[in-house]
Structures are given as C-alpha cells and as structure tokens.
Amino acid sequence: MVNLYRDFGTGAQTLLASVAETALLDAVTALLGPSNITVSLVYTDTPPAGTHSYTLTVTPTTLLGVGVTMTANYRALSAVVGT
C-alpha cells in the first residue's frame, strides 16, 4: 500500500491518494533473489494557503513463507507547484 499525505503527523493531516498493488510470486522465485514491483501514484492537489509538507508512506503486505523477507523502498516524490 502506498499512501500520499499532506501535512502527515499533524492535526491537519490529509490522506490524498492510495494505491494498492498485488503481485504473486512463487516460493522458489521469492527465495532466489530480489523481485521488484513498481507502483505509480499521480495526484493533483489544491491545498489551502500556507506551507505544507507531503509524505509518501509505503507499507508492504504480509508475505507468507519461510526465509523470505520483504522491504519497501521509494525513490522520490516529485511535485509541481503553481501560484
């Protein structure tokens, strides 16, 4: 699950968008090496006046299997701001 928030962790926290991606890997593939899953999220925001922060949270789903680990990484959050 990938979530995009405005003003994360504050009283004004707003969830703007969510993307859930499901990928099935067989046990052998999962044990042999890294598998990458790419998720894209596009959202246009019109925030109220003031300063705002944007946060992406990445939460991996539970992976059932022995000796298999999962990590979540995200590369960047790009923003275009208009006045």
C-alpha atoms as a PDB file:
ATOM      1  CA  MET A   1       0.000   0.000   0.000  1.00  0.00           C
ATOM      2  CA  VAL A   2       1.342   3.419  -0.974  1.00  0.00           C
ATOM      3  CA  ASN A   3      -0.307   6.460   0.609  1.00  0.00           C
ATOM      4  CA  LEU A   4       0.224  10.141  -0.180  1.00  0.00           C
ATOM      5  CA  TYR A   5      -0.457  12.546   2.697  1.00  0.00           C
ATOM      6  CA  ARG A   6      -0.463  16.311   3.050  1.00  0.00           C
ATOM      7  CA  ASP A   7       0.869  17.539   6.420  1.00  0.00           C
ATOM      8  CA  PHE A   8       1.493  13.999   7.715  1.00  0.00           C
ATOM      9  CA  GLY A   9       1.604  13.688  11.517  1.00  0.00           C
ATOM     10  CA  THR A  10      -0.170  16.994  12.218  1.00  0.00           C
ATOM     11  CA  GLY A  11      -3.736  17.880  13.152  1.00  0.00           C
ATOM     12  CA  ALA A  12      -4.296  18.913   9.533  1.00  0.00           C
ATOM     13  CA  GLN A  13      -3.110  15.532   8.145  1.00  0.00           C
ATOM     14  CA  THR A  14      -4.979  14.676   4.943  1.00  0.00           C
ATOM     15  CA  LEU A  15      -4.824  11.394   3.034  1.00  0.00           C
ATOM     16  CA  LEU A  16      -4.792  12.474  -0.614  1.00  0.00           C
ATOM     17  CA  ALA A  17      -4.401   9.200  -2.508  1.00  0.00           C
ATOM     18  CA  SER A  18      -3.759   5.481  -2.028  1.00  0.00           C
ATOM     19  CA  VAL A  19      -2.529   2.763  -4.360  1.00  0.00           C
ATOM     20  CA  ALA A  20      -2.611  -0.946  -3.569  1.00  0.00           C
ATOM     21  CA  GLU A  21      -0.572  -3.297  -5.744  1.00  0.00           C
ATOM     22  CA  THR A  22      -0.807  -7.060  -5.569  1.00  0.00           C
ATOM     23  CA  ALA A  23       1.866  -9.324  -7.006  1.00  0.00           C
ATOM     24  CA  LEU A  24       2.081 -13.068  -6.656  1.00  0.00           C
ATOM     25  CA  LEU A  25       5.458 -14.784  -6.616  1.00  0.00           C
ATOM     26  CA  ASP A  26       6.024 -18.475  -6.278  1.00  0.00           C
ATOM     27  CA  ALA A  27       8.155 -19.567  -3.321  1.00  0.00           C
ATOM     28  CA  VAL A  28      11.184 -20.517  -5.440  1.00  0.00           C
ATOM     29  CA  THR A  29      11.302 -17.131  -7.192  1.00  0.00           C
ATOM     30  CA  ALA A  30      10.928 -15.298  -3.878  1.00  0.00           C
ATOM     31  CA  LEU A  31      13.771 -17.285  -2.284  1.00  0.00           C
ATOM     32  CA  LEU A  32      16.185 -16.975  -5.227  1.00  0.00           C
ATOM     33  CA  GLY A  33      16.585 -13.228  -5.194  1.00  0.00           C
ATOM     34  CA  PRO A  34      15.073  -9.790  -5.222  1.00  0.00           C
ATOM     35  CA  SER A  35      11.904  -9.160  -7.168  1.00  0.00           C
ATOM     36  CA  ASN A  36      10.887  -5.582  -7.797  1.00  0.00           C
ATOM     37  CA  ILE A  37       7.356  -4.254  -8.019  1.00  0.00           C
ATOM     38  CA  THR A  38       6.827  -0.686  -9.225  1.00  0.00           C
ATOM     39  CA  VAL A  39       3.815   1.336  -8.155  1.00  0.00           C
ATOM     40  CA  SER A  40       2.958   4.780  -9.533  1.00  0.00           C
ATOM     41  CA  LEU A  41       0.734   7.344  -7.891  1.00  0.00           C
ATOM     42  CA  VAL A  42      -0.383  10.580  -9.581  1.00  0.00           C
ATOM     43  CA  TYR A  43      -2.445  13.184  -7.762  1.00  0.00           C
ATOM     44  CA  THR A  44      -3.276  16.857  -8.303  1.00  0.00           C
ATOM     45  CA  ASP A  45      -3.713  18.803  -5.072  1.00  0.00           C
ATOM     46  CA  THR A  46      -5.166  22.250  -4.426  1.00  0.00           C
ATOM     47  CA  PRO A  47      -4.072  22.951  -0.851  1.00  0.00           C
ATOM     48  CA  PRO A  48      -5.258  25.848   1.276  1.00  0.00           C
ATOM     49  CA  ALA A  49      -2.931  28.850   1.547  1.00  0.00           C
ATOM     50  CA  GLY A  50       0.172  28.302   3.656  1.00  0.00           C
ATOM     51  CA  THR A  51       3.121  25.951   3.919  1.00  0.00           C
ATOM     52  CA  HIS A  52       2.526  22.230   3.514  1.00  0.00           C
ATOM     53  CA  SER A  53       4.571  19.048   3.557  1.00  0.00           C
ATOM     54  CA  TYR A  54       3.888  15.924   1.524  1.00  0.00           C
ATOM     55  CA  THR A  55       4.753  12.411   2.649  1.00  0.00           C
ATOM     56  CA  LEU A  56       4.676   9.032   0.920  1.00  0.00           C
ATOM     57  CA  THR A  57       4.246   6.013   3.167  1.00  0.00           C
ATOM     58  CA  VAL A  58       4.984   2.538   1.813  1.00  0.00           C
ATOM     59  CA  THR A  59       3.617  -0.447   3.704  1.00  0.00           C
ATOM     60  CA  PRO A  60       4.363  -3.954   2.420  1.00  0.00           C
ATOM     61  CA  THR A  61       1.639  -6.518   2.810  1.00  0.00           C
ATOM     62  CA  THR A  62       2.252  -9.702   4.758  1.00  0.00           C
ATOM     63  CA  LEU A  63       4.312 -12.235   2.887  1.00  0.00           C
ATOM     64  CA  LEU A  64       3.721 -15.833   3.809  1.00  0.00           C
ATOM     65  CA  GLY A  65       6.771 -18.038   3.534  1.00  0.00           C
ATOM     66  CA  VAL A  66       9.787 -19.321   5.382  1.00  0.00           C
ATOM     67  CA  GLY A  67      13.067 -17.460   4.959  1.00  0.00           C
ATOM     68  CA  VAL A  68      11.522 -14.741   2.814  1.00  0.00           C
ATOM     69  CA  THR A  69      11.816 -11.078   3.742  1.00  0.00           C
ATOM     70  CA  MET A  70      10.256  -8.004   2.211  1.00  0.00           C
ATOM     71  CA  THR A  71      11.389  -4.403   2.232  1.00  0.00           C
ATOM     72  CA  ALA A  72       9.682  -1.294   0.922  1.00  0.00           C
ATOM     73  CA  ASN A  73      11.636   1.492  -0.725  1.00  0.00           C
ATOM     74  CA  TYR A  74      10.582   4.607  -2.510  1.00  0.00           C
ATOM     75  CA  ARG A  75      12.770   6.756  -4.635  1.00  0.00           C
ATOM     76  CA  ALA A  76      11.241  10.194  -4.894  1.00  0.00           C
ATOM     77  CA  LEU A  77       8.250  12.434  -4.598  1.00  0.00           C
ATOM     78  CA  SER A  78       8.054  14.950  -7.434  1.00  0.00           C
ATOM     79  CA  ALA A  79       5.811  17.979  -7.143  1.00  0.00           C
ATOM     80  CA  VAL A  80       4.751  20.787  -9.442  1.00  0.00           C
ATOM     81  CA  VAL A  81       3.539  23.870  -7.572  1.00  0.00           C
ATOM     82  CA  GLY A  82       1.508  26.633  -9.169  1.00  0.00           C
ATOM     83  CA  THR A  83       0.661  30.037  -7.742  1.00  0.00           C
END
